[in-house]
């Protein structure tokens, strides 16, 4: 993603930001609903780690793509802060945002791989 961003193949336009941000908010609400339902003993079958249904794999692929594309927003935030002459302590905010996105992407890729490994059984 960094190579695509650095080569200006993918740019963080206002429309891109709006689509990615609204997708992240939607995914967050989806996760929150899933967590609340699990408190009451209700489980959404395609949201479980061991489930290998096609809808679960499709949703997980969508989440992986959104997580990967959100790296572009992190890169743009860091680049914009640098161009605007942001104070030195703001580097930590950019690095933390990048770290959170990478961890989210890593966990979603692990979930996707677990779905594919259970699909072979």
Protein backbone atom coordinates (compact mmCIF):
# COMPACT_ATOMS: atom_id res chain seq x y z
CA UNK A 1 0.00 0.00 0.00
CA UNK A 2 2.88 2.34 0.73
CA UNK A 3 4.30 1.79 -2.74
CA UNK A 4 0.91 2.47 -4.33
CA UNK A 5 0.52 5.61 -2.21
CA UNK A 6 4.07 6.82 -2.79
CA UNK A 7 3.75 6.31 -6.57
CA UNK A 8 0.47 8.32 -6.42
CA UNK A 9 -1.50 5.42 -7.88
CA UNK A 10 -3.90 5.63 -4.92
CA UNK A 11 -4.66 9.11 -3.63
CA UNK A 12 -6.55 10.15 -0.54
CA UNK A 13 -9.25 12.36 -2.07
CA UNK A 14 -12.21 13.67 -0.10
CA UNK A 15 -14.52 11.05 -1.60
CA UNK A 16 -12.00 8.29 -0.79
CA UNK A 17 -11.76 9.51 2.80
CA UNK A 18 -15.55 9.62 3.14
CA UNK A 19 -16.01 6.10 1.76
CA UNK A 20 -13.25 4.56 3.89
CA UNK A 21 -14.29 6.44 7.03
CA UNK A 22 -17.96 5.48 6.66
CA UNK A 23 -16.94 1.87 6.00
CA UNK A 24 -14.80 1.84 9.15
CA UNK A 25 -17.67 3.28 11.19
CA UNK A 26 -20.03 0.66 9.73
CA UNK A 27 -17.59 -2.15 10.55
CA UNK A 28 -17.19 -0.77 14.07
CA UNK A 29 -20.97 -0.70 14.57
CA UNK A 30 -21.17 -4.24 13.20
CA UNK A 31 -18.48 -5.40 15.67
CA UNK A 32 -20.26 -3.59 18.52
CA UNK A 33 -23.62 -5.22 17.70
CA UNK A 34 -21.90 -8.61 17.52
CA UNK A 35 -20.27 -8.03 20.92
CA UNK A 36 -23.53 -6.93 22.58
CA UNK A 37 -25.37 -9.93 21.13
CA UNK A 38 -22.68 -12.26 22.44
CA UNK A 39 -23.23 -10.88 25.95
CA UNK A 40 -26.78 -12.22 25.72
CA UNK A 41 -25.70 -15.58 24.31
CA UNK A 42 -26.68 -14.84 20.71
CA UNK A 43 -23.97 -15.62 18.19
CA UNK A 44 -23.89 -14.52 14.58
CA UNK A 45 -22.65 -17.68 12.82
CA UNK A 46 -20.56 -16.02 10.11
CA UNK A 47 -18.73 -13.82 12.64
CA UNK A 48 -17.12 -16.72 14.53
CA UNK A 49 -13.41 -17.47 14.09
CA UNK A 50 -14.01 -21.09 13.14
CA UNK A 51 -16.82 -20.48 10.65
CA UNK A 52 -15.92 -21.06 7.02
CA UNK A 53 -19.12 -20.03 5.27
CA UNK A 54 -18.93 -18.07 2.04
CA UNK A 55 -20.70 -15.05 3.56
CA UNK A 56 -18.18 -15.02 6.43
CA UNK A 57 -15.27 -15.21 4.00
CA UNK A 58 -16.80 -12.45 1.85
CA UNK A 59 -17.35 -10.13 4.82
CA UNK A 60 -13.86 -10.84 6.06
CA UNK A 61 -12.36 -10.09 2.64
CA UNK A 62 -14.26 -6.78 2.57
CA UNK A 63 -12.91 -5.89 6.02
CA UNK A 64 -9.34 -6.78 4.97
CA UNK A 65 -9.64 -4.52 1.90
CA UNK A 66 -10.99 -1.63 4.00
CA UNK A 67 -8.22 -2.12 6.58
CA UNK A 68 -5.59 -2.11 3.82
CA UNK A 69 -7.06 0.99 2.21
CA UNK A 70 -7.15 2.77 5.56
CA UNK A 71 -3.36 2.63 5.48
CA UNK A 72 -3.61 5.22 2.69
CA UNK A 73 -5.42 7.53 5.13
CA UNK A 74 -2.64 7.03 7.66
CA UNK A 75 0.04 7.79 5.09
CA UNK A 76 -1.85 10.90 3.98
CA UNK A 77 -2.26 12.09 7.57
CA UNK A 78 1.47 11.72 8.21
CA UNK A 79 2.40 13.44 4.94
CA UNK A 80 -0.06 16.30 5.49
CA UNK A 81 1.21 16.83 9.03
CA UNK A 82 4.77 16.98 7.78
CA UNK A 83 3.89 19.48 5.02
CA UNK A 84 1.99 21.70 7.44
CA UNK A 85 4.90 21.74 9.88
CA UNK A 86 3.17 19.90 12.70
CA UNK A 87 4.99 19.88 16.05
CA UNK A 88 7.42 17.09 16.83
CA UNK A 89 5.09 15.33 19.30
CA UNK A 90 2.52 14.79 16.52
CA UNK A 91 4.78 12.10 15.06
CA UNK A 92 3.55 9.81 17.81
CA UNK A 93 -0.07 10.27 16.75
CA UNK A 94 0.76 9.32 13.19
CA UNK A 95 2.82 6.33 14.31
CA UNK A 96 0.11 5.16 16.71
CA UNK A 97 -2.57 5.41 14.03
CA UNK A 98 -0.39 3.44 11.65
CA UNK A 99 0.28 0.80 14.31
CA UNK A 100 -3.42 0.40 15.13
CA UNK A 101 -4.25 -0.03 11.44
CA UNK A 102 -1.49 -2.61 10.95
CA UNK A 103 -2.63 -4.61 13.99
CA UNK A 104 -6.25 -4.48 12.77
CA UNK A 105 -5.18 -5.65 9.32
CA UNK A 106 -3.05 -8.42 10.84
CA UNK A 107 -5.92 -9.73 12.97
CA UNK A 108 -8.32 -9.68 10.04
CA UNK A 109 -5.84 -11.56 7.84
CA UNK A 110 -5.44 -14.15 10.61
CA UNK A 111 -9.22 -14.49 10.83
CA UNK A 112 -9.42 -14.91 7.06
CA UNK A 113 -6.67 -17.55 7.06
CA UNK A 114 -8.44 -19.42 9.85
CA UNK A 115 -11.61 -19.46 7.76
CA UNK A 116 -9.73 -20.89 4.78
CA UNK A 117 -7.98 -23.53 6.90
CA UNK A 118 -11.32 -24.67 8.37
CA UNK A 119 -12.82 -24.79 4.88
CA UNK A 120 -10.51 -27.67 3.90
CA UNK A 121 -11.74 -29.98 6.69
